Protein backbone atom coordinates (compact mmCIF):
# COMPACT_ATOMS: atom_id res chain seq x y z
CA MET A 1 -80.75 44.27 -76.75
CA LYS A 2 -78.21 42.44 -78.28
CA THR A 3 -80.80 45.35 -72.29
CA ARG A 4 -81.50 45.26 -72.29
CA ASN A 5 -75.32 46.05 -71.95
CA VAL A 6 -74.85 44.68 -70.53
CA LYS A 7 -77.65 46.06 -69.70
CA PHE A 8 -76.84 46.91 -66.09
CA GLY A 9 -75.99 50.22 -64.92
CA VAL A 10 -78.04 53.11 -66.38
CA ILE A 11 -80.14 49.96 -68.00
CA ALA A 12 -80.49 48.09 -65.08
CA VAL A 13 -80.59 50.74 -62.37
CA ALA A 14 -83.24 53.18 -63.90
CA LEU A 15 -84.75 51.03 -66.42
CA LEU A 16 -83.45 47.87 -66.34
CA SER A 17 -83.05 48.40 -70.23
CA MET A 18 -84.58 50.49 -72.69
CA ALA A 19 -85.76 47.25 -73.94
CA MET A 20 -86.70 45.91 -70.47
CA PRO A 21 -89.25 47.19 -68.01
CA PHE A 22 -90.32 50.63 -67.06
CA THR A 23 -90.93 50.48 -63.44
CA ALA A 24 -91.50 53.93 -62.36
CA LYS A 25 -94.88 55.45 -61.07
CA ALA A 26 -96.64 57.86 -63.01
CA GLN A 27 -95.86 61.01 -62.89
CA ASP A 28 -97.36 64.65 -63.06
CA LYS A 29 -94.89 66.10 -65.06
CA VAL A 30 -92.74 65.64 -68.20
CA GLU A 31 -89.15 63.93 -67.13
CA ALA A 32 -86.21 63.26 -69.21
CA SER A 33 -83.30 61.42 -68.85
CA VAL A 34 -79.97 61.34 -70.94
CA GLY A 35 -76.51 59.08 -70.27
CA ALA A 36 -74.01 56.37 -71.34
CA ASP A 37 -72.64 53.55 -70.14
CA LEU A 38 -68.85 52.49 -71.05
CA VAL A 39 -68.68 48.68 -70.58
CA SER A 40 -65.81 45.82 -70.76
CA GLY A 41 -68.47 43.29 -72.82
CA TYR A 42 -71.88 43.37 -74.35
CA ILE A 43 -73.83 40.38 -72.73
CA TRP A 44 -77.45 40.44 -73.90
CA ARG A 45 -79.45 37.18 -72.23
CA GLY A 46 -76.59 35.07 -71.71
CA GLN A 47 -75.33 35.95 -75.35
CA ASP A 48 -72.17 37.87 -76.25
CA LEU A 49 -72.44 40.42 -78.31
CA GLY A 50 -69.65 42.33 -78.64
CA GLY A 51 -66.31 43.72 -76.46
CA VAL A 52 -66.10 46.79 -75.10
CA SER A 53 -68.88 49.24 -75.85
CA LEU A 54 -70.11 52.55 -75.29
CA GLN A 55 -73.81 52.34 -75.00
CA PRO A 56 -75.87 55.66 -74.79
CA SER A 57 -79.21 56.09 -74.01
CA ALA A 58 -81.86 58.89 -73.59
CA SER A 59 -85.50 58.76 -72.45
CA VAL A 60 -88.89 61.12 -71.78
CA ALA A 61 -91.70 60.44 -69.69
CA TYR A 62 -94.96 61.69 -69.00
CA LYS A 63 -97.69 60.05 -66.79
CA GLY A 64 -96.57 56.69 -67.20
CA ILE A 65 -95.83 56.84 -70.71
CA SER A 66 -92.49 56.93 -71.51
CA LEU A 67 -90.21 56.66 -75.10
CA GLY A 68 -86.47 55.82 -74.92
CA ALA A 69 -83.89 55.63 -77.31
CA TRP A 70 -80.42 52.73 -76.46
CA GLY A 71 -77.69 52.27 -78.73
CA SER A 72 -74.44 50.69 -78.56
CA VAL A 73 -70.89 50.81 -80.51
CA GLY A 74 -68.22 48.59 -80.12
CA ILE A 75 -64.77 50.97 -79.23
CA ASP A 76 -62.24 47.80 -79.32
CA GLY A 77 -61.83 47.05 -82.80
CA THR A 78 -63.55 45.39 -85.59
CA ASP A 79 -65.26 41.87 -86.32
CA ALA A 80 -63.61 39.05 -88.20
CA ASP A 81 -65.43 40.24 -90.90
CA GLY A 82 -63.87 43.95 -90.42
CA TYR A 83 -67.05 45.37 -89.32
CA ASN A 84 -68.16 47.49 -86.68
CA ALA A 85 -71.56 46.25 -85.82
CA LYS A 86 -73.76 49.11 -84.48
CA GLU A 87 -77.26 49.18 -82.65
CA PHE A 88 -80.29 51.13 -81.91
CA ASP A 89 -83.28 50.65 -80.16
CA LEU A 90 -86.25 52.65 -79.55
CA THR A 91 -89.04 51.43 -76.74
CA LEU A 92 -92.66 53.13 -76.27
CA GLY A 93 -93.89 51.69 -73.14
CA TYR A 94 -96.23 52.30 -70.31
CA ALA A 95 -96.51 51.86 -66.58
CA THR A 96 -98.20 52.09 -63.30
CA GLY A 97 -97.99 51.05 -59.72
CA GLY A 98 -95.70 47.45 -60.57
CA PHE A 99 -97.04 46.91 -64.19
CA SER A 100 -95.50 47.72 -67.23
CA VAL A 101 -95.93 46.99 -71.09
CA SER A 102 -93.71 48.15 -74.00
CA VAL A 103 -92.92 47.55 -77.32
CA THR A 104 -89.19 47.82 -78.81
CA ASP A 105 -87.52 48.22 -82.12
CA TYR A 106 -84.63 47.04 -82.29
CA TRP A 107 -81.88 47.76 -85.20
CA PHE A 108 -78.80 46.79 -86.41
CA ASN A 109 -76.49 48.41 -89.25
CA THR A 110 -75.02 45.30 -90.23
CA GLY A 111 -78.57 44.57 -92.70
CA ALA A 112 -80.33 46.21 -94.69
CA GLY A 113 -80.83 50.32 -93.95
CA TYR A 114 -82.88 51.43 -91.30
CA GLY A 115 -85.98 52.50 -93.84
CA HIS A 116 -86.39 48.66 -94.91
CA TYR A 117 -89.19 46.99 -93.11
CA GLY A 118 -90.36 44.29 -95.40
CA ALA A 119 -90.89 40.77 -93.56
CA HIS A 120 -87.79 39.04 -96.22
CA ASN A 121 -85.57 42.63 -96.04
CA THR A 122 -84.88 44.22 -92.61
CA ALA A 123 -82.77 44.32 -89.89
CA HIS A 124 -85.55 45.33 -87.83
CA VAL A 125 -86.99 42.78 -84.73
CA PHE A 126 -89.46 44.34 -82.97
CA GLU A 127 -90.60 43.01 -79.16
CA ALA A 128 -93.32 43.07 -76.86
CA GLN A 129 -93.22 43.06 -73.33
CA LEU A 130 -95.49 42.12 -70.27
CA GLY A 131 -94.52 42.37 -66.59
CA TYR A 132 -95.09 43.16 -63.28
CA ASP A 133 -92.65 44.09 -60.41
CA PHE A 134 -93.79 42.81 -57.37
CA GLY A 135 -90.89 44.34 -55.34
CA PRO A 136 -88.50 41.47 -54.15
CA LEU A 137 -89.46 39.71 -57.27
CA ALA A 138 -89.88 41.25 -60.77
CA VAL A 139 -91.38 39.02 -63.77
CA ASN A 140 -90.79 39.43 -67.19
CA TRP A 141 -92.34 38.36 -70.85
CA TYR A 142 -90.88 39.36 -73.97
CA THR A 143 -91.88 37.77 -77.40
CA ASN A 144 -90.64 39.35 -80.99
CA PHE A 145 -93.68 39.89 -82.82
CA ALA A 146 -92.05 40.95 -86.48
CA GLY A 147 -88.88 41.85 -88.26
CA ASP A 148 -85.76 39.60 -88.28
CA ASP A 149 -87.17 37.09 -86.12
CA GLY A 150 -85.83 33.74 -85.45
CA VAL A 151 -87.47 30.55 -87.07
CA LYS A 152 -88.41 26.97 -86.05
CA GLY A 153 -88.93 23.56 -87.30
CA ASP A 154 -88.29 22.46 -90.75
CA ASP A 155 -90.57 24.25 -92.70
CA ALA A 156 -88.38 27.53 -91.18
CA ASP A 157 -91.97 28.88 -89.35
CA ARG A 158 -91.45 32.03 -87.55
CA ALA A 159 -90.68 31.38 -83.84
CA TYR A 160 -92.17 34.53 -82.31
CA SER A 161 -88.89 34.12 -79.72
CA SER A 162 -89.97 34.78 -76.78
CA TYR A 163 -88.43 35.33 -73.87
CA ILE A 164 -89.36 35.24 -69.83
CA SER A 165 -87.01 36.91 -67.11
CA VAL A 166 -87.12 36.55 -63.19
CA ALA A 167 -85.02 39.01 -61.25
CA ALA A 168 -84.77 39.82 -57.54
CA PRO A 169 -82.94 42.90 -56.10
CA PHE A 170 -81.40 42.62 -52.96
CA LYS A 171 -78.53 44.17 -50.27
CA LEU A 172 -75.92 42.66 -48.74
CA GLY A 173 -72.45 44.45 -47.72
CA GLY A 174 -74.14 47.95 -48.13
CA LEU A 175 -73.66 46.86 -51.51
CA ASP A 176 -76.96 46.43 -54.22
CA TRP A 177 -77.25 43.25 -55.56
CA THR A 178 -79.84 41.61 -58.46
CA ALA A 179 -80.09 37.86 -59.57
CA GLU A 180 -81.69 36.91 -62.42
CA ILE A 181 -82.56 33.90 -64.04
CA GLY A 182 -83.97 33.65 -68.03
CA ALA A 183 -84.91 31.03 -70.17
CA THR A 184 -86.49 30.83 -74.11
CA PRO A 185 -90.03 28.74 -73.52
CA TRP A 186 -89.91 27.42 -76.96
CA GLU A 187 -87.38 26.44 -79.66
CA THR A 188 -85.98 29.65 -82.08
CA THR A 189 -82.97 29.92 -84.05
CA PHE A 190 -83.10 33.53 -82.34
CA TYR A 191 -81.80 32.41 -79.05
CA GLY A 192 -80.18 29.02 -80.61
CA ALA A 193 -82.73 27.02 -78.60
CA ASN A 194 -84.09 23.63 -79.28
CA GLY A 195 -86.84 23.47 -77.20
CA PHE A 196 -87.21 25.49 -73.29
CA ALA A 197 -83.49 26.46 -72.11
CA VAL A 198 -82.25 27.99 -69.63
CA CYS A 199 -80.18 30.44 -70.87
CA ASP A 200 -79.21 33.79 -68.80
CA LEU A 201 -77.93 32.94 -64.70
CA SER A 202 -76.48 36.10 -63.46
CA LEU A 203 -75.44 38.26 -60.61
CA GLY A 204 -74.80 42.03 -60.75
CA VAL A 205 -73.53 44.24 -58.22
CA SER A 206 -73.49 48.21 -58.02
CA LYS A 207 -72.14 50.85 -56.19
CA ASP A 208 -71.55 55.25 -56.52
CA ILE A 209 -67.91 56.03 -56.50
CA LYS A 210 -67.21 59.07 -55.27
CA VAL A 211 -65.72 61.89 -56.95
CA THR A 212 -66.33 64.91 -55.23
CA ASP A 213 -68.89 65.76 -52.59
CA SER A 214 -71.71 66.38 -55.15
CA PHE A 215 -70.71 63.86 -57.83
CA SER A 216 -70.28 60.16 -58.05
CA LEU A 217 -70.13 57.89 -61.03
CA PRO A 218 -72.37 54.58 -60.51
CA LEU A 219 -69.96 51.38 -61.27
CA PHE A 220 -71.43 48.05 -61.98
CA ALA A 221 -70.35 44.09 -62.49
CA LYS A 222 -72.32 41.68 -63.40
CA ALA A 223 -71.40 37.34 -64.03
CA THR A 224 -73.28 35.71 -66.49
CA TRP A 225 -74.04 31.67 -67.19
CA ASN A 226 -75.26 30.36 -69.76
CA PRO A 227 -76.61 26.85 -69.08
CA ARG A 228 -77.29 26.10 -72.84
CA SER A 229 -74.14 27.64 -74.59
CA GLU A 230 -72.32 26.41 -71.47
CA GLY A 231 -70.66 30.06 -71.91
CA ALA A 232 -69.38 32.30 -68.86
CA TYR A 233 -68.69 36.13 -68.97
CA PHE A 234 -67.66 38.80 -65.79
CA VAL A 235 -68.12 42.16 -67.31
CA VAL A 236 -67.91 45.72 -65.73
CA GLY A 237 -68.84 49.16 -66.82
CA LEU A 238 -69.69 52.79 -65.65
CA SER A 239 -72.73 54.98 -65.99
CA PHE A 240 -72.51 58.50 -66.75
């Protein structure tokens, strides 16, 4: 989250993020992976969540069931309060064909400790995802259902903050590209929206940088515009 790193590279290419859709076909044996992204900025769903960051990931999957871990830590200094925020996410998902469903537990060390799950004393956010990858187009819906969610209205009711994403991969000039649009369907302080709002228009590209005959490093870049906040970002990263 706060992928889904920029969650391009390992997240966008391998999973489209740990908090993003799992699209692999069911496998007959256990498959595991580990990696890390080094990104020039942490942009998530049109929101600026940090500067230069290291974002490790690991996952294990069997017959369509996946368990993944993802983290982020800033390495270019501390925030205005002298604090270096860290994130740790866990995602349990299932995928078959183009269909995917998952639940993600996002946690940030800027609030209550990891073991605090109370409705009014937690730094965890729990999100459900449902999506389908049609090949030329992937559609995903995300909703926060528990934890430190945003609110809406004068009564500060839980917003069940939601986000819908439509992504289209394509090839151009010998490189892999992805165009994406993301929006919040209703009011929530979680995304800073007063109603329906488009908060992510992005275009990403990736290529492999050949280091040796048998080893290459994936390089990726992504431009993001947030019409709601009038923000614009361009980030680059390497996957290891």
